[in-house]
Amino acid sequence: MNLYDVYSLYDVTPVKGRGSYVYDEAGTEYLDFYGGHAVISVGHSHPHYVKTISEQLQQMGFYSNSIVNPLQQELADKIEKLSQVKGYDLFLINSGAEANDNALKLASFHNGRTKIIALENGFHGRTSAAINVTHTGQKYQAPINHGVDVSYYHYEDIDSIITEIHRGETAGIIIEAIQGIGGLDSISNQALEQIAAACTATDTVLIMDEVQCGYARSGDFFAYQTSSIQPDIITTAKGMGNGFPIGGVLINSNKIPAVKGRLGTTYGGNHLACAAGIAVLDIIESEDLIANAQRVGALLQELLADLPGVKAVKGRGLMIGAEFDYPVADLRKQLVFEQQLFTGSAANANLLRILPALNINENHLDQFESKMKKALSNYKIPA
């Protein structure tokens, strides 16, 4: 049986990961400044992470949500403690797309409406409702997916967004505080606060998609927290399990109370997933990784700004994009095969997306800078 041919692959086969490095079959070391789409939040094979999952697996790996699983409550309590987000219920699932699908469903349940507002260049997942509101994924929408009435607006077109919300026809608006695949553009705090006020006035549900920009990556636990808003729903996933599939929907319990049977999942919140999630939060707390993301991220942005060909540095913390004067696809290949450095792409063809583990240090930055400078010194800019 052949594998369904979905992805364009680099001919590299990592077989081991340690910290911010991965190793291929021949033992070649690669510096990982991408973390598999921002998933590796606390480094590959962190000892505490491995120990926690291993010990849990020796006790119980899975049982359904028809029984009491105290690990779910422990995870919820740790998220509340580290994020300082109060007044929310946690629904656990398996991925960011599922988190956003459930968030959109809850918005429609709440006010009985069906229309959604989303932002241009946003990416929210590939499941049925999530792909409907994913502007960068329109070419992946099958005819069956065109069931959601969605309006897209540029993140700076606040007047149009506010006008649309005040029509009172919108179930919810979904926003990435820092866009991921879209290209690391950020919506302003003022815009978020204006949108939140309009949502409150019209009983529209404000969904903050923190799947990629959340979980300390931006230098705050959630990226929206530089503003004063209190979202109705917050979604999270990628860095939540450091590679173990887990996602979460944080639901404002005052506005959207739980209704039994309204949401459901087979694997969500299972014992192993919760153990992974708890281990990640333990490491974020014990190693002070929110502060580290702020500090090292600022150094990384300075470093990038000084590289030849970089015209803009976008993002915050350790969610960074370096925008060049030219498309970077060939540069990324050269970085992988000649400098053994993993970086990421974006919908903006000129943007190099950089999403390292949250516990990188200055030594990793020195290696990254050296590899980038070597690659750029030999690089022939595409005509």
Protein backbone atom coordinates (compact mmCIF):
# COMPACT_ATOMS: atom_id res chain seq x y z
CA MET A 1 0.00 0.00 0.00
CA ASN A 2 1.33 3.44 -0.92
CA LEU A 3 1.09 6.42 1.37
CA TYR A 4 -1.38 9.06 0.24
CA ASP A 5 0.85 11.66 -1.39
CA VAL A 6 0.03 14.86 0.48
CA TYR A 7 3.30 16.58 1.41
CA SER A 8 6.35 17.79 -0.48
CA LEU A 9 9.11 16.22 1.59
CA TYR A 10 12.74 17.08 2.30
CA ASP A 11 14.86 13.94 1.91
CA VAL A 12 15.85 13.91 5.59
CA THR A 13 14.89 11.19 8.07
CA PRO A 14 15.26 12.29 11.70
CA VAL A 15 15.48 9.30 14.03
CA LYS A 16 16.43 10.98 17.31
CA GLY A 17 15.87 14.33 19.00
CA ARG A 18 17.60 15.91 21.98
CA GLY A 19 16.84 19.43 23.11
CA SER A 20 17.03 21.73 20.09
CA TYR A 21 18.70 19.16 17.84
CA VAL A 22 17.54 16.26 15.70
CA TYR A 23 19.71 13.53 14.21
CA ASP A 24 19.25 11.59 10.99
CA GLU A 25 20.02 7.94 10.21
CA ALA A 26 23.69 8.73 9.61
CA GLY A 27 24.00 10.62 12.89
CA THR A 28 24.10 14.05 11.25
CA GLU A 29 23.06 16.78 13.70
CA TYR A 30 20.50 19.42 12.69
CA LEU A 31 19.70 22.57 14.65
CA ASP A 32 15.92 22.69 14.95
CA PHE A 33 14.56 26.23 14.79
CA TYR A 34 11.15 25.14 13.58
CA GLY A 35 10.01 22.47 16.04
CA GLY A 36 7.64 20.76 13.63
CA HIS A 37 5.34 23.80 13.17
CA ALA A 38 5.90 25.20 16.72
CA VAL A 39 4.92 21.91 18.34
CA ILE A 40 8.20 21.25 20.18
CA SER A 41 7.81 23.73 23.01
CA VAL A 42 10.20 22.35 25.64
CA GLY A 43 12.75 20.58 23.46
CA HIS A 44 12.99 17.08 22.05
CA SER A 45 12.98 14.26 24.63
CA HIS A 46 13.16 16.53 27.67
CA PRO A 47 13.99 14.22 30.63
CA HIS A 48 11.02 15.34 32.76
CA TYR A 49 8.66 14.99 29.81
CA VAL A 50 9.91 11.47 28.99
CA LYS A 51 9.78 10.41 32.65
CA THR A 52 6.24 11.71 33.18
CA ILE A 53 4.81 10.00 30.09
CA SER A 54 6.69 6.76 30.76
CA GLU A 55 5.45 6.55 34.34
CA GLN A 56 1.88 7.27 33.27
CA LEU A 57 2.01 4.61 30.55
CA GLN A 58 3.10 2.05 33.12
CA GLN A 59 -0.09 2.82 35.06
CA MET A 60 -2.71 3.53 32.38
CA GLY A 61 -2.48 4.95 28.89
CA PHE A 62 -6.13 5.41 28.01
CA TYR A 63 -9.69 5.10 29.09
CA SER A 64 -12.75 6.88 27.78
CA ASN A 65 -14.35 10.04 29.11
CA SER A 66 -17.08 7.97 30.76
CA ILE A 67 -14.95 7.74 33.92
CA VAL A 68 -13.25 10.19 36.29
CA ASN A 69 -9.74 11.16 35.18
CA PRO A 70 -8.11 13.40 37.83
CA LEU A 71 -5.29 14.26 35.42
CA GLN A 72 -7.75 16.41 33.45
CA GLN A 73 -8.44 18.59 36.45
CA GLU A 74 -4.74 18.78 37.31
CA LEU A 75 -4.02 19.99 33.77
CA ALA A 76 -6.83 22.55 33.92
CA ASP A 77 -5.56 23.88 37.25
CA LYS A 78 -2.01 24.22 35.93
CA ILE A 79 -3.19 26.07 32.82
CA GLU A 80 -5.14 28.49 35.01
CA LYS A 81 -2.15 29.00 37.32
CA LEU A 82 0.40 29.71 34.61
CA SER A 83 -1.87 31.68 32.28
CA GLN A 84 -3.67 33.62 35.04
CA VAL A 85 -6.83 33.22 32.96
CA LYS A 86 -9.80 32.96 35.33
CA GLY A 87 -13.44 32.02 34.82
CA TYR A 88 -13.02 29.44 32.05
CA ASP A 89 -13.92 25.78 31.62
CA LEU A 90 -11.53 23.48 29.73
CA PHE A 91 -12.65 21.04 27.04
CA LEU A 92 -9.84 18.72 25.92
CA ILE A 93 -9.51 17.33 22.43
CA ASN A 94 -6.67 16.24 20.12
CA SER A 95 -5.63 19.09 17.80
CA GLY A 96 -5.89 22.75 16.94
CA ALA A 97 -8.31 22.14 14.10
CA GLU A 98 -10.63 20.25 16.46
CA ALA A 99 -10.32 23.04 19.01
CA ASN A 100 -11.38 25.64 16.44
CA ASP A 101 -14.17 23.46 15.06
CA ASN A 102 -15.62 23.09 18.56
CA ALA A 103 -15.19 26.80 19.26
CA LEU A 104 -17.15 27.73 16.13
CA LYS A 105 -19.83 25.20 17.07
CA LEU A 106 -20.14 26.69 20.55
CA ALA A 107 -20.46 30.20 19.11
CA SER A 108 -23.37 29.10 16.95
CA PHE A 109 -24.98 27.23 19.84
CA HIS A 110 -24.69 30.32 22.01
CA ASN A 111 -26.57 32.83 19.89
CA GLY A 112 -28.23 30.69 17.21
CA ARG A 113 -26.44 32.47 14.38
CA THR A 114 -24.40 30.95 11.54
CA LYS A 115 -22.27 33.76 10.11
CA ILE A 116 -18.55 33.94 11.01
CA ILE A 117 -16.01 36.74 10.64
CA ALA A 118 -12.39 35.72 10.03
CA LEU A 119 -9.24 37.56 9.04
CA GLU A 120 -7.44 37.50 5.72
CA ASN A 121 -4.34 35.27 5.81
CA GLY A 122 -5.66 33.44 8.87
CA PHE A 123 -5.19 29.70 9.29
CA HIS A 124 -7.45 27.75 11.66
CA GLY A 125 -7.19 24.11 10.54
CA ARG A 126 -8.39 21.63 7.95
CA THR A 127 -11.48 20.08 9.56
CA SER A 128 -14.88 21.00 8.19
CA ALA A 129 -15.75 24.25 9.96
CA ALA A 130 -12.14 25.28 10.55
CA ILE A 131 -11.22 25.06 6.87
CA ASN A 132 -14.29 27.15 6.06
CA VAL A 133 -12.85 30.07 8.02
CA THR A 134 -9.24 29.54 6.89
CA HIS A 135 -8.44 32.23 4.35
CA THR A 136 -5.04 30.79 3.42
CA GLY A 137 -6.61 27.37 2.87
CA GLN A 138 -9.38 28.24 0.43
CA LYS A 139 -7.84 26.05 -2.27
CA TYR A 140 -8.21 23.08 0.11
CA GLN A 141 -11.92 23.58 0.66
CA ALA A 142 -13.99 20.82 -0.97
CA PRO A 143 -17.50 21.66 -2.20
CA ILE A 144 -18.93 20.04 0.95
CA ASN A 145 -16.94 22.52 3.06
CA HIS A 146 -18.69 25.61 1.72
CA GLY A 147 -21.40 25.49 4.34
CA VAL A 148 -20.35 28.36 6.59
CA ASP A 149 -21.25 31.94 5.73
CA VAL A 150 -17.90 33.63 6.37
CA SER A 151 -16.66 37.15 5.69
CA TYR A 152 -12.92 37.86 5.58
CA TYR A 153 -11.39 41.20 6.52
CA HIS A 154 -7.83 42.51 6.69
CA TYR A 155 -6.61 42.73 10.27
CA GLU A 156 -6.17 46.51 9.91
CA ASP A 157 -9.66 47.09 8.46
CA ILE A 158 -11.19 47.59 11.89
CA ASP A 159 -13.99 49.91 10.80
CA SER A 160 -15.41 47.27 8.44
CA ILE A 161 -15.10 44.54 11.08
CA ILE A 162 -16.90 46.66 13.68
CA THR A 163 -19.64 47.56 11.20
CA GLU A 164 -20.14 43.88 10.36
CA ILE A 165 -20.34 42.88 14.03
CA HIS A 166 -22.88 45.61 14.79
CA ARG A 167 -25.27 44.18 12.21
CA GLY A 168 -26.00 41.57 14.89
CA GLU A 169 -25.90 38.64 12.46
CA THR A 170 -22.54 37.14 13.39
CA ALA A 171 -22.18 34.03 15.55
CA GLY A 172 -18.50 34.67 16.22
CA ILE A 173 -15.26 36.19 15.08
CA ILE A 174 -12.05 34.12 15.11
CA ILE A 175 -8.67 35.84 15.37
CA GLU A 176 -5.01 34.85 15.69
CA ALA A 177 -3.31 37.55 17.78
CA ILE A 178 -0.18 36.74 15.77
CA GLN A 179 -0.84 35.01 12.46
CA GLY A 180 1.20 31.86 11.91
CA ILE A 181 1.14 30.47 8.39
CA GLY A 182 -0.28 33.80 7.24
CA GLY A 183 3.03 35.53 7.84
CA LEU A 184 3.54 36.65 11.49
CA ASP A 185 1.44 39.81 11.22
CA SER A 186 -0.12 40.96 14.52
CA ILE A 187 -3.42 42.64 15.20
CA SER A 188 -3.07 45.68 17.47
CA ASN A 189 -4.24 45.71 21.07
CA GLN A 190 -6.46 48.70 20.28
CA ALA A 191 -8.14 46.77 17.48
CA LEU A 192 -8.70 43.76 19.75
CA GLU A 193 -10.25 45.96 22.41
CA GLN A 194 -12.58 47.62 19.89
CA ILE A 195 -13.63 44.24 18.52
CA ALA A 196 -14.20 42.85 22.02
CA ALA A 197 -16.44 45.82 22.90
CA ALA A 198 -18.50 45.32 19.73
CA CYS A 199 -18.83 41.60 20.46
CA THR A 200 -20.07 42.32 23.99
CA ALA A 201 -22.62 44.82 22.69
CA THR A 202 -24.04 42.38 20.12
CA ASP A 203 -23.67 39.04 21.98
CA THR A 204 -21.15 37.94 19.34
CA VAL A 205 -18.64 35.31 20.47
CA LEU A 206 -14.98 36.39 20.38
CA ILE A 207 -12.69 33.42 19.68
CA MET A 208 -8.94 33.87 20.08
CA ASP A 209 -7.06 31.20 18.16
CA GLU A 210 -3.93 30.63 20.26
CA VAL A 211 -3.14 27.27 18.67
CA GLN A 212 0.28 28.42 17.47
CA CYS A 213 0.90 31.75 19.20
CA GLY A 214 -0.19 30.54 22.65
CA TYR A 215 1.45 28.51 25.39
CA ALA A 216 4.27 31.00 26.11
CA ARG A 217 5.51 31.21 22.53
CA SER A 218 4.86 34.93 22.19
CA GLY A 219 6.51 35.81 25.50
CA ASP A 220 3.11 35.86 27.23
CA PHE A 221 1.20 32.70 28.05
CA PHE A 222 -1.41 33.72 25.48
CA ALA A 223 -0.50 36.25 22.80
CA TYR A 224 -3.69 38.28 23.26
CA GLN A 225 -2.68 39.02 26.87
CA THR A 226 -0.80 42.19 25.95
CA SER A 227 -4.34 43.63 25.55
CA SER A 228 -7.09 44.07 28.14
CA ILE A 229 -9.66 41.78 26.48
CA GLN A 230 -11.32 38.71 27.96
CA PRO A 231 -12.16 36.39 25.04
CA ASP A 232 -15.27 34.26 25.14
CA ILE A 233 -13.30 31.26 23.85
CA ILE A 234 -9.56 30.55 23.64
CA THR A 235 -8.22 27.64 21.58
CA THR A 236 -4.81 26.06 22.03
CA ALA A 237 -2.90 23.00 20.83
CA LYS A 238 0.52 22.91 19.17
CA GLY A 239 2.95 23.50 22.03
CA MET A 240 0.56 22.03 24.56
CA GLY A 241 1.88 18.46 24.38
CA ASN A 242 5.41 18.90 22.95
CA GLY A 243 4.55 16.42 20.20
CA PHE A 244 1.83 14.39 21.88
CA PRO A 245 -1.54 15.13 20.21
CA ILE A 246 -3.59 17.33 22.53
CA GLY A 247 -5.69 20.45 22.16
CA GLY A 248 -7.90 22.53 24.36
CA VAL A 249 -10.87 24.89 24.25
CA LEU A 250 -11.07 27.38 27.11
CA ILE A 251 -14.69 28.49 27.39
CA ASN A 252 -15.88 31.52 29.35
CA SER A 253 -18.16 29.79 31.84
CA ASN A 254 -20.20 32.93 32.62
CA LYS A 255 -21.16 33.49 28.99
CA ILE A 256 -21.25 29.92 27.66
CA PRO A 257 -22.17 27.41 30.40
CA ALA A 258 -21.56 23.72 29.80
CA VAL A 259 -24.40 21.56 28.42
CA LYS A 260 -23.98 17.80 28.73
CA GLY A 261 -23.60 16.03 25.40
CA ARG A 262 -23.11 19.23 23.40
CA LEU A 263 -19.44 18.42 22.78
CA GLY A 264 -17.71 15.06 22.84
CA THR A 265 -14.49 13.23 22.00
CA THR A 266 -13.10 9.71 22.15
CA TYR A 267 -9.42 10.39 22.70
CA GLY A 268 -9.46 13.95 24.02
CA GLY A 269 -8.11 14.35 27.55
CA ASN A 270 -6.85 10.79 27.77
CA HIS A 271 -4.38 9.83 30.48
CA LEU A 272 -1.25 9.98 28.32
CA ALA A 273 -2.24 13.27 26.71
CA CYS A 274 -2.86 14.85 30.10
CA ALA A 275 0.47 13.54 31.39
CA ALA A 276 2.20 15.14 28.40
CA GLY A 277 0.37 18.41 28.95
CA ILE A 278 1.18 18.48 32.66
CA ALA A 279 4.87 17.77 31.98
CA VAL A 280 5.05 20.67 29.51
CA LEU A 281 3.57 23.08 32.04
CA ASP A 282 5.90 21.79 34.75
CA ILE A 283 8.87 22.58 32.51
CA ILE A 284 7.55 25.98 31.43
CA GLU A 285 7.15 26.90 35.10
CA SER A 286 10.35 25.40 36.53
CA GLU A 287 12.59 26.73 33.73
CA ASP A 288 10.81 30.13 33.55
CA LEU A 289 10.29 29.73 29.83
CA ILE A 290 7.87 32.63 29.42
CA ALA A 291 10.62 35.02 30.51
CA ASN A 292 13.12 33.09 28.39
CA ALA A 293 10.95 33.48 25.31
CA GLN A 294 10.86 37.24 25.89
CA ARG A 295 14.59 37.59 26.52
CA VAL A 296 16.01 35.22 23.91
CA GLY A 297 13.34 36.22 21.42
CA ALA A 298 14.45 39.86 21.64
CA LEU A 299 18.06 38.80 20.98
CA LEU A 300 16.95 36.67 18.04
CA GLN A 301 15.03 39.55 16.50
CA GLU A 302 18.10 41.81 16.77
CA LEU A 303 20.25 39.14 15.16
CA LEU A 304 17.83 38.67 12.27
CA ALA A 305 17.49 42.40 11.63
CA ASP A 306 21.23 42.59 10.95
CA LEU A 307 21.30 39.79 8.38
CA PRO A 308 21.75 40.81 4.72
CA GLY A 309 18.52 40.80 2.71
CA VAL A 310 16.18 40.96 5.71
CA LYS A 311 13.80 43.88 5.23
CA ALA A 312 11.50 43.23 8.23
CA VAL A 313 11.35 41.12 11.38
CA LYS A 314 7.84 40.22 12.54
CA GLY A 315 6.26 38.53 15.54
CA ARG A 316 7.04 38.40 19.25
CA GLY A 317 8.89 36.15 21.65
CA LEU A 318 9.97 32.98 19.89
CA MET A 319 7.33 33.23 17.16
CA ILE A 320 9.33 35.19 14.61
CA GLY A 321 9.32 35.80 10.87
CA ALA A 322 12.24 37.22 8.87
CA GLU A 323 10.98 38.80 5.67
CA PHE A 324 13.53 38.90 2.84
CA ASP A 325 13.61 40.82 -0.43
CA TYR A 326 13.11 37.56 -2.34
CA PRO A 327 11.37 34.15 -2.07
CA VAL A 328 13.06 31.93 0.53
CA ALA A 329 12.08 28.41 -0.62
CA ASP A 330 15.52 27.72 -2.11
CA LEU A 331 17.23 29.33 0.87
CA ARG A 332 15.35 26.99 3.23
CA LYS A 333 16.55 23.99 1.23
CA GLN A 334 20.12 25.24 1.39
CA LEU A 335 19.80 25.75 5.14
CA VAL A 336 18.64 22.15 5.59
CA PHE A 337 21.07 20.37 3.28
CA GLU A 338 24.19 22.55 3.58
CA GLN A 339 23.88 24.11 7.05
CA GLN A 340 21.78 21.43 8.79
CA LEU A 341 19.27 24.00 10.03
CA PHE A 342 15.49 23.59 10.09
CA THR A 343 13.32 26.68 9.54
CA GLY A 344 9.76 27.15 8.29
CA SER A 345 7.80 28.74 5.48
CA ALA A 346 4.65 30.88 5.36
CA ALA A 347 1.98 31.97 2.91
CA ASN A 348 4.24 34.97 2.31
CA ALA A 349 6.83 33.42 0.00
CA ASN A 350 9.50 35.86 1.19
CA LEU A 351 9.13 35.01 4.88
CA LEU A 352 11.32 32.62 6.85
CA ARG A 353 9.34 31.38 9.87
CA ILE A 354 11.38 30.70 13.02
CA LEU A 355 9.77 28.73 15.86
CA PRO A 356 12.43 27.19 18.11
CA ALA A 357 11.88 25.47 21.44
CA LEU A 358 11.12 27.88 24.28
CA ASN A 359 14.23 26.83 26.21
CA ILE A 360 16.85 27.80 23.63
CA ASN A 361 19.80 29.87 24.88
CA GLU A 362 22.50 32.19 23.56
CA ASN A 363 24.63 29.25 22.42
CA HIS A 364 21.83 28.13 20.11
CA LEU A 365 21.53 31.69 18.81
CA ASP A 366 25.27 31.77 18.04
CA GLN A 367 24.95 28.54 16.05
CA PHE A 368 21.87 29.83 14.26
CA GLU A 369 23.61 33.10 13.35
CA SER A 370 26.68 31.28 12.05
CA LYS A 371 24.62 28.95 9.88
CA MET A 372 22.50 31.80 8.51
CA LYS A 373 25.52 33.94 7.66
CA LYS A 374 27.28 31.05 5.91
CA ALA A 375 24.18 30.26 3.89
CA LEU A 376 23.56 33.88 2.92
CA SER A 377 27.21 34.50 1.95
CA ASN A 378 26.98 31.72 -0.65
CA TYR A 379 23.38 32.24 -1.67
CA LYS A 380 22.49 33.33 -5.19
CA ILE A 381 19.34 35.41 -5.04
CA PRO A 382 16.71 34.09 -7.46
CA ALA A 383 16.40 36.22 -10.60
